[in-house]
Every structure is written in structure tokens, then in C-alpha cells.
Amino acid sequence: MTTRPPLFKTKVKAYTLTEILVVLIIIGILVLLALPVLLPLITKAKATEAKIQLNHVQTLEQGYFYEHSKYSKDLPEIGFVQEKLSTENKDGRANYRIEITNATNTTFTARATAVVDFNGNGVYNVWEIDQDKNLKEITPD
């Protein structure tokens, strides 16, 4: 029968705490260097959410118009359900609040307003769409 050496007496190959901290510091510096370059891309990607949601509202409004010969100012009436906003609770995922700002018998305007300042400059991104699917950025972030 062979006897094993006690566990605490054997040397195990591993990294020291100093080596791990140096690697973490290097990663942190690289992230700080890359972040300003990536912020515009993050803002652009988040703006895609507003465009998709506004196109969906325009499609729903168009269907409502075909049935009722007028546009509606009520989102639930046309079948649009606003997802929970990211600022409301931890389960919220939506970064834009969708609303219909103007609706008449022949025209409508819907707006998507950001609830999060993506780049931290105090300006919130705003997009609008109308009945002709003219999508435009009102306030760039």
C-alpha cells in the first residue's frame, strides 16, 4: 500500500494573487481605452429598438385605419403593448417609451423617447414616424 503525502505539504501549480491583479488592471485599462470608441456603436444599436417599435406602431395604425377609416391615439386600441421600461424595474427591457402624439382622421405621428441617456451627456434620443412611414430622428443622443 502506498501512502500519499499530506495535502498541505504538496505544491500545486497556480497563479499568485499579484499576477491575477496585474492581469485585471491591464484588462481594465484596455476597457477604458475602448469604451469611448464603442459608445456611438452602442447608441446606434439601441436606436434600432426605437425604429423597429415605431415601424410596428405604423403597421398597426395602418391596419386600424383600414378598418375604421381614421387613426387612433390609443396604443392598446390598435394592439400595441409597451414593454416594461428599463428604468421602471429590474425586469424592464425597453429603452424607449412609445406614444402617439397626434392622431386625426387622415394623419398620425408616433414618438419614441429614450428613458436612458446612452452616452451620459444629458440628452435623450427621440424618434418620430408618421402615417407615410417617414421615420426621422428628432433629437440625436
N, C-alpha and C. Protein backbone atom coordinates (compact mmCIF):
# COMPACT_ATOMS: atom_id res chain seq x y z
N MET A 1 0.83 -1.18 0.00
CA MET A 1 0.00 0.00 0.00
C MET A 1 0.88 1.25 0.00
N THR A 2 0.54 2.18 -0.90
CA THR A 2 1.33 3.40 -0.98
C THR A 2 0.69 4.49 -0.15
N THR A 3 1.48 5.26 0.45
CA THR A 3 0.96 6.37 1.25
C THR A 3 1.12 7.65 0.45
N ARG A 4 0.11 8.47 0.56
CA ARG A 4 0.14 9.76 -0.13
C ARG A 4 0.71 10.82 0.81
N PRO A 5 1.39 11.81 0.23
CA PRO A 5 1.87 12.89 1.09
C PRO A 5 0.69 13.74 1.54
N PRO A 6 0.78 14.34 2.69
CA PRO A 6 -0.31 15.19 3.17
C PRO A 6 -0.62 16.31 2.16
N LEU A 7 -1.88 16.67 2.07
CA LEU A 7 -2.35 17.64 1.09
C LEU A 7 -1.67 19.00 1.23
N PHE A 8 -1.45 19.44 2.45
CA PHE A 8 -0.89 20.76 2.68
C PHE A 8 0.61 20.81 2.42
N LYS A 9 1.25 19.70 2.30
CA LYS A 9 2.70 19.67 2.09
C LYS A 9 3.06 19.67 0.61
N THR A 10 2.07 19.34 -0.28
CA THR A 10 2.38 19.30 -1.71
C THR A 10 2.20 20.68 -2.32
N LYS A 11 3.00 20.96 -3.33
CA LYS A 11 2.90 22.23 -4.04
C LYS A 11 1.99 22.05 -5.24
N VAL A 12 1.06 22.99 -5.39
CA VAL A 12 0.13 22.98 -6.52
C VAL A 12 0.49 24.16 -7.41
N LYS A 13 0.56 23.91 -8.73
CA LYS A 13 0.88 24.99 -9.65
C LYS A 13 -0.34 25.91 -9.75
N ALA A 14 -0.12 27.19 -9.53
CA ALA A 14 -1.21 28.16 -9.57
C ALA A 14 -0.62 29.55 -9.79
N TYR A 15 -1.51 30.49 -10.06
CA TYR A 15 -1.10 31.88 -10.21
C TYR A 15 -1.14 32.57 -8.86
N THR A 16 -0.24 33.51 -8.67
CA THR A 16 -0.23 34.26 -7.41
C THR A 16 -1.27 35.38 -7.50
N LEU A 17 -1.62 35.90 -6.37
CA LEU A 17 -2.58 37.00 -6.30
C LEU A 17 -2.06 38.22 -7.06
N THR A 18 -0.79 38.47 -6.99
CA THR A 18 -0.20 39.61 -7.69
C THR A 18 -0.35 39.46 -9.21
N GLU A 19 -0.11 38.27 -9.72
CA GLU A 19 -0.25 38.04 -11.16
C GLU A 19 -1.69 38.25 -11.62
N ILE A 20 -2.63 37.79 -10.86
CA ILE A 20 -4.04 37.95 -11.20
C ILE A 20 -4.44 39.43 -11.18
N LEU A 21 -3.96 40.17 -10.18
CA LEU A 21 -4.28 41.60 -10.09
C LEU A 21 -3.68 42.38 -11.26
N VAL A 22 -2.47 42.04 -11.68
CA VAL A 22 -1.85 42.71 -12.81
C VAL A 22 -2.67 42.48 -14.08
N VAL A 23 -3.13 41.27 -14.30
CA VAL A 23 -3.95 40.96 -15.47
C VAL A 23 -5.26 41.74 -15.42
N LEU A 24 -5.90 41.82 -14.26
CA LEU A 24 -7.15 42.58 -14.13
C LEU A 24 -6.94 44.06 -14.39
N ILE A 25 -5.83 44.61 -13.94
CA ILE A 25 -5.54 46.02 -14.19
C ILE A 25 -5.33 46.27 -15.68
N ILE A 26 -4.64 45.38 -16.35
CA ILE A 26 -4.42 45.52 -17.80
C ILE A 26 -5.75 45.45 -18.55
N ILE A 27 -6.61 44.53 -18.17
CA ILE A 27 -7.93 44.42 -18.81
C ILE A 27 -8.74 45.69 -18.57
N GLY A 28 -8.69 46.23 -17.36
CA GLY A 28 -9.40 47.46 -17.04
C GLY A 28 -8.92 48.64 -17.88
N ILE A 29 -7.64 48.74 -18.07
CA ILE A 29 -7.09 49.83 -18.89
C ILE A 29 -7.53 49.68 -20.33
N LEU A 30 -7.53 48.47 -20.85
CA LEU A 30 -7.97 48.24 -22.23
C LEU A 30 -9.45 48.58 -22.41
N VAL A 31 -10.27 48.26 -21.42
CA VAL A 31 -11.70 48.60 -21.49
C VAL A 31 -11.89 50.12 -21.48
N LEU A 32 -11.15 50.82 -20.63
CA LEU A 32 -11.24 52.28 -20.59
C LEU A 32 -10.79 52.93 -21.89
N LEU A 33 -9.84 52.33 -22.57
CA LEU A 33 -9.39 52.86 -23.85
C LEU A 33 -10.41 52.59 -24.96
N ALA A 34 -11.08 51.45 -24.90
CA ALA A 34 -12.02 51.06 -25.96
C ALA A 34 -13.40 51.67 -25.77
N LEU A 35 -13.79 52.01 -24.57
CA LEU A 35 -15.15 52.47 -24.29
C LEU A 35 -15.56 53.71 -25.07
N PRO A 36 -14.76 54.76 -25.16
CA PRO A 36 -15.19 55.93 -25.94
C PRO A 36 -15.41 55.63 -27.42
N VAL A 37 -14.68 54.67 -27.93
CA VAL A 37 -14.85 54.28 -29.33
C VAL A 37 -16.15 53.49 -29.52
N LEU A 38 -16.53 52.71 -28.53
CA LEU A 38 -17.69 51.83 -28.64
C LEU A 38 -19.01 52.52 -28.29
N LEU A 39 -18.99 53.64 -27.56
CA LEU A 39 -20.24 54.29 -27.15
C LEU A 39 -21.14 54.69 -28.32
N PRO A 40 -20.62 55.26 -29.40
CA PRO A 40 -21.51 55.58 -30.53
C PRO A 40 -22.15 54.33 -31.14
N LEU A 41 -21.42 53.23 -31.16
CA LEU A 41 -21.98 51.99 -31.69
C LEU A 41 -23.08 51.46 -30.79
N ILE A 42 -22.92 51.59 -29.49
CA ILE A 42 -23.94 51.15 -28.54
C ILE A 42 -25.19 52.00 -28.71
N THR A 43 -25.01 53.31 -28.86
CA THR A 43 -26.15 54.21 -29.05
C THR A 43 -26.88 53.87 -30.34
N LYS A 44 -26.15 53.61 -31.40
CA LYS A 44 -26.76 53.26 -32.68
C LYS A 44 -27.53 51.95 -32.58
N ALA A 45 -26.99 50.99 -31.88
CA ALA A 45 -27.67 49.70 -31.71
C ALA A 45 -28.95 49.86 -30.90
N LYS A 46 -28.91 50.68 -29.88
CA LYS A 46 -30.12 50.90 -29.07
C LYS A 46 -31.17 51.67 -29.83
N ALA A 47 -30.76 52.57 -30.74
CA ALA A 47 -31.71 53.32 -31.55
C ALA A 47 -32.49 52.40 -32.49
N THR A 48 -31.92 51.26 -32.81
CA THR A 48 -32.62 50.28 -33.65
C THR A 48 -33.91 49.83 -32.98
N GLU A 49 -33.90 49.74 -31.66
CA GLU A 49 -35.12 49.39 -30.92
C GLU A 49 -36.24 50.39 -31.21
N ALA A 50 -35.92 51.68 -31.20
CA ALA A 50 -36.92 52.71 -31.46
C ALA A 50 -37.46 52.59 -32.88
N LYS A 51 -36.58 52.37 -33.84
CA LYS A 51 -37.01 52.26 -35.23
C LYS A 51 -37.95 51.07 -35.44
N ILE A 52 -37.60 49.94 -34.86
CA ILE A 52 -38.43 48.74 -35.01
C ILE A 52 -39.79 48.94 -34.36
N GLN A 53 -39.81 49.51 -33.16
CA GLN A 53 -41.07 49.71 -32.45
C GLN A 53 -41.96 50.71 -33.19
N LEU A 54 -41.37 51.78 -33.72
CA LEU A 54 -42.17 52.77 -34.46
C LEU A 54 -42.70 52.20 -35.77
N ASN A 55 -41.92 51.39 -36.44
CA ASN A 55 -42.42 50.73 -37.65
C ASN A 55 -43.58 49.80 -37.32
N HIS A 56 -43.51 49.14 -36.17
CA HIS A 56 -44.60 48.27 -35.72
C HIS A 56 -45.86 49.09 -35.44
N VAL A 57 -45.70 50.22 -34.77
CA VAL A 57 -46.85 51.10 -34.49
C VAL A 57 -47.46 51.59 -35.80
N GLN A 58 -46.62 51.95 -36.77
CA GLN A 58 -47.13 52.42 -38.05
C GLN A 58 -47.94 51.33 -38.75
N THR A 59 -47.47 50.09 -38.69
CA THR A 59 -48.20 48.97 -39.29
C THR A 59 -49.53 48.75 -38.59
N LEU A 60 -49.54 48.82 -37.26
CA LEU A 60 -50.79 48.66 -36.51
C LEU A 60 -51.77 49.79 -36.79
N GLU A 61 -51.24 51.01 -36.88
CA GLU A 61 -52.10 52.16 -37.19
C GLU A 61 -52.69 52.03 -38.60
N GLN A 62 -51.89 51.55 -39.53
CA GLN A 62 -52.38 51.37 -40.90
C GLN A 62 -53.53 50.35 -40.93
N GLY A 63 -53.38 49.25 -40.20
CA GLY A 63 -54.46 48.27 -40.11
C GLY A 63 -55.71 48.84 -39.46
N TYR A 64 -55.50 49.63 -38.41
CA TYR A 64 -56.63 50.27 -37.73
C TYR A 64 -57.33 51.24 -38.68
N PHE A 65 -56.54 51.96 -39.48
CA PHE A 65 -57.11 52.91 -40.43
C PHE A 65 -57.96 52.19 -41.48
N TYR A 66 -57.50 51.05 -41.95
CA TYR A 66 -58.27 50.29 -42.95
C TYR A 66 -59.60 49.82 -42.40
N GLU A 67 -59.65 49.52 -41.11
CA GLU A 67 -60.90 49.04 -40.51
C GLU A 67 -61.84 50.17 -40.10
N HIS A 68 -61.29 51.29 -39.60
CA HIS A 68 -62.13 52.35 -39.01
C HIS A 68 -62.10 53.68 -39.77
N SER A 69 -61.32 53.77 -40.82
CA SER A 69 -61.18 55.00 -41.63
C SER A 69 -60.70 56.20 -40.82
N LYS A 70 -59.93 55.95 -39.80
CA LYS A 70 -59.30 57.00 -39.01
C LYS A 70 -58.15 56.38 -38.23
N TYR A 71 -57.28 57.23 -37.73
CA TYR A 71 -56.17 56.77 -36.91
C TYR A 71 -56.53 56.91 -35.44
N SER A 72 -55.92 56.10 -34.61
CA SER A 72 -56.22 56.11 -33.17
C SER A 72 -55.06 56.73 -32.40
N LYS A 73 -55.41 57.36 -31.28
CA LYS A 73 -54.38 57.92 -30.39
C LYS A 73 -54.09 56.99 -29.23
N ASP A 74 -54.80 55.86 -29.17
CA ASP A 74 -54.68 54.93 -28.06
C ASP A 74 -53.89 53.69 -28.48
N LEU A 75 -52.72 53.50 -27.88
CA LEU A 75 -51.87 52.36 -28.25
C LEU A 75 -52.54 51.01 -28.00
N PRO A 76 -53.16 50.77 -26.84
CA PRO A 76 -53.82 49.47 -26.65
C PRO A 76 -54.97 49.23 -27.64
N GLU A 77 -55.60 50.28 -28.09
CA GLU A 77 -56.71 50.13 -29.03
C GLU A 77 -56.23 49.58 -30.39
N ILE A 78 -55.03 49.94 -30.79
CA ILE A 78 -54.50 49.41 -32.05
C ILE A 78 -53.78 48.08 -31.85
N GLY A 79 -53.59 47.67 -30.61
CA GLY A 79 -52.97 46.38 -30.32
C GLY A 79 -51.50 46.44 -29.95
N PHE A 80 -51.00 47.63 -29.64
CA PHE A 80 -49.60 47.77 -29.25
C PHE A 80 -49.46 47.63 -27.74
N VAL A 81 -48.53 46.81 -27.31
CA VAL A 81 -48.26 46.62 -25.88
C VAL A 81 -46.84 47.12 -25.61
N GLN A 82 -46.75 48.14 -24.76
CA GLN A 82 -45.44 48.69 -24.38
C GLN A 82 -44.76 47.74 -23.40
N GLU A 83 -43.54 47.33 -23.73
CA GLU A 83 -42.78 46.50 -22.80
C GLU A 83 -42.42 47.33 -21.58
N LYS A 84 -42.11 46.64 -20.49
CA LYS A 84 -41.69 47.35 -19.27
C LYS A 84 -40.40 48.09 -19.56
N LEU A 85 -40.35 49.33 -19.11
CA LEU A 85 -39.17 50.17 -19.34
C LEU A 85 -38.02 49.76 -18.43
N SER A 86 -36.82 49.93 -18.91
CA SER A 86 -35.64 49.53 -18.14
C SER A 86 -35.47 50.37 -16.88
N THR A 87 -36.11 51.54 -16.81
CA THR A 87 -36.00 52.38 -15.63
C THR A 87 -37.07 52.09 -14.59
N GLU A 88 -38.09 51.30 -14.95
CA GLU A 88 -39.20 51.05 -14.03
C GLU A 88 -38.87 49.97 -13.01
N ASN A 89 -38.31 48.87 -13.46
CA ASN A 89 -37.96 47.80 -12.52
C ASN A 89 -36.87 46.94 -13.13
N LYS A 90 -36.42 45.96 -12.39
CA LYS A 90 -35.30 45.14 -12.85
C LYS A 90 -35.67 44.24 -14.02
N ASP A 91 -36.96 43.96 -14.21
CA ASP A 91 -37.40 43.11 -15.31
C ASP A 91 -37.59 43.89 -16.61
N GLY A 92 -37.55 45.22 -16.54
CA GLY A 92 -37.78 46.04 -17.72
C GLY A 92 -36.65 45.93 -18.72
N ARG A 93 -37.02 45.87 -20.01
CA ARG A 93 -36.00 45.74 -21.04
C ARG A 93 -36.07 46.87 -22.06
N ALA A 94 -37.18 47.56 -22.16
CA ALA A 94 -37.35 48.58 -23.19
C ALA A 94 -36.60 49.86 -22.81
N ASN A 95 -35.91 50.43 -23.78
CA ASN A 95 -35.16 51.67 -23.56
C ASN A 95 -35.89 52.89 -24.08
N TYR A 96 -37.02 52.66 -24.75
CA TYR A 96 -37.79 53.76 -25.35
C TYR A 96 -39.25 53.69 -24.92
N ARG A 97 -39.81 54.85 -24.59
CA ARG A 97 -41.25 54.97 -24.31
C ARG A 97 -41.93 55.35 -25.61
N ILE A 98 -42.91 54.56 -26.01
CA ILE A 98 -43.62 54.78 -27.27
C ILE A 98 -44.94 55.48 -26.96
N GLU A 99 -45.28 56.51 -27.75
CA GLU A 99 -46.54 57.21 -27.58
C GLU A 99 -47.00 57.76 -28.93
N ILE A 100 -48.29 57.92 -29.06
CA ILE A 100 -48.85 58.55 -30.25
C ILE A 100 -49.11 60.00 -29.88
N THR A 101 -48.42 60.90 -30.53
CA THR A 101 -48.51 62.32 -30.16
C THR A 101 -49.63 63.04 -30.88
N ASN A 102 -50.01 62.54 -32.06
CA ASN A 102 -51.05 63.21 -32.82
C ASN A 102 -51.79 62.17 -33.65
N ALA A 103 -53.12 62.22 -33.64
CA ALA A 103 -53.92 61.30 -34.47
C ALA A 103 -55.19 62.01 -34.91
N THR A 104 -55.39 62.06 -36.21
CA THR A 104 -56.62 62.62 -36.78
C THR A 104 -57.22 61.57 -37.71
N ASN A 105 -58.21 61.97 -38.48
CA ASN A 105 -58.81 61.03 -39.43
C ASN A 105 -57.85 60.65 -40.56
N THR A 106 -56.92 61.54 -40.88
CA THR A 106 -56.05 61.29 -42.04
C THR A 106 -54.56 61.21 -41.71
N THR A 107 -54.15 61.60 -40.53
CA THR A 107 -52.72 61.59 -40.18
C THR A 107 -52.51 61.09 -38.76
N PHE A 108 -51.29 60.67 -38.50
CA PHE A 108 -50.88 60.37 -37.13
C PHE A 108 -49.37 60.54 -37.02
N THR A 109 -48.92 60.76 -35.81
CA THR A 109 -47.49 60.86 -35.51
C THR A 109 -47.24 60.07 -34.22
N ALA A 110 -46.27 59.18 -34.27
CA ALA A 110 -45.87 58.42 -33.09
C ALA A 110 -44.44 58.79 -32.74
N ARG A 111 -44.14 58.75 -31.44
CA ARG A 111 -42.84 59.17 -30.96
C ARG A 111 -42.25 58.10 -30.03
N ALA A 112 -40.95 57.90 -30.15
CA ALA A 112 -40.20 57.02 -29.25
C ALA A 112 -39.17 57.89 -28.54
N THR A 113 -39.30 57.98 -27.22
CA THR A 113 -38.40 58.79 -26.42
C THR A 113 -37.57 57.88 -25.52
N ALA A 114 -36.26 58.04 -25.57
CA ALA A 114 -35.38 57.22 -24.74
C ALA A 114 -35.61 57.53 -23.27
N VAL A 115 -35.58 56.51 -22.44
CA VAL A 115 -35.69 56.70 -20.99
C VAL A 115 -34.31 56.59 -20.34
N VAL A 116 -33.31 56.29 -21.15
CA VAL A 116 -31.94 56.15 -20.66
C VAL A 116 -31.04 57.06 -21.51
N ASP A 117 -30.15 57.77 -20.84
CA ASP A 117 -29.17 58.59 -21.55
C ASP A 117 -27.99 57.69 -21.89
N PHE A 118 -27.90 57.26 -23.14
CA PHE A 118 -26.94 56.23 -23.53
C PHE A 118 -25.49 56.65 -23.40
N ASN A 119 -25.19 57.90 -23.71
CA ASN A 119 -23.78 58.32 -23.63
C ASN A 119 -23.51 59.27 -22.47
N GLY A 120 -24.49 59.53 -21.63
CA GLY A 120 -24.27 60.31 -20.41
C GLY A 120 -24.12 61.80 -20.62
N ASN A 121 -24.59 62.35 -21.75
CA ASN A 121 -24.43 63.79 -21.99
C ASN A 121 -25.66 64.60 -21.60
N GLY A 122 -26.69 63.95 -21.05
CA GLY A 122 -27.89 64.66 -20.61
C GLY A 122 -28.95 64.82 -21.68
N VAL A 123 -28.70 64.35 -22.89
CA VAL A 123 -29.66 64.44 -24.00
C VAL A 123 -30.25 63.06 -24.24
N TYR A 124 -31.58 63.01 -24.34
CA TYR A 124 -32.28 61.75 -24.57
C TYR A 124 -32.71 61.65 -26.03
N ASN A 125 -32.46 60.51 -26.63
CA ASN A 125 -32.75 60.25 -28.04
C ASN A 125 -34.25 60.22 -28.29
N VAL A 126 -34.71 60.87 -29.38
CA VAL A 126 -36.13 60.91 -29.74
C VAL A 126 -36.28 60.62 -31.23
N TRP A 127 -37.19 59.71 -31.58
CA TRP A 127 -37.51 59.36 -32.96
C TRP A 127 -39.00 59.55 -33.19
N GLU A 128 -39.38 59.87 -34.44
CA GLU A 128 -40.79 60.01 -34.79
C GLU A 128 -41.07 59.32 -36.12
N ILE A 129 -42.32 58.88 -36.28
CA ILE A 129 -42.78 58.29 -37.53
C ILE A 129 -44.19 58.81 -37.81
N ASP A 130 -44.54 58.91 -39.09
CA ASP A 130 -45.89 59.36 -39.43
C ASP A 130 -46.61 58.29 -40.25
N GLN A 131 -47.80 58.63 -40.74
CA GLN A 131 -48.64 57.67 -41.45
C GLN A 131 -48.00 57.21 -42.77
N ASP A 132 -47.09 57.99 -43.32
CA ASP A 132 -46.43 57.62 -44.58
C ASP A 132 -45.13 56.88 -44.35
N LYS A 133 -44.88 56.47 -43.15
CA LYS A 133 -43.68 55.72 -42.73
C LYS A 133 -42.42 56.56 -42.85
N ASN A 134 -42.56 57.87 -42.68
CA ASN A 134 -41.40 58.76 -42.65
C ASN A 134 -40.80 58.72 -41.25
N LEU A 135 -39.69 58.06 -41.13
CA LEU A 135 -39.02 57.89 -39.84
C LEU A 135 -37.87 58.89 -39.76
N LYS A 136 -37.86 59.69 -38.67
CA LYS A 136 -36.78 60.67 -38.53
C LYS A 136 -36.37 60.80 -37.07
N GLU A 137 -35.09 61.12 -36.90
CA GLU A 137 -34.54 61.32 -35.57
C GLU A 137 -34.71 62.78 -35.22
N ILE A 138 -35.48 63.04 -34.16
CA ILE A 138 -35.76 64.41 -33.74
C ILE A 138 -34.62 64.94 -32.89
N THR A 139 -34.19 64.16 -31.91
CA THR A 139 -33.11 64.57 -31.02
C THR A 139 -32.06 63.46 -30.98
N PRO A 140 -30.90 63.70 -31.59
CA PRO A 140 -29.84 62.67 -31.54
C PRO A 140 -29.22 62.63 -30.15
N ASP A 141 -28.76 61.46 -29.75
CA ASP A 141 -28.09 61.30 -28.46
C ASP A 141 -26.60 61.30 -28.68
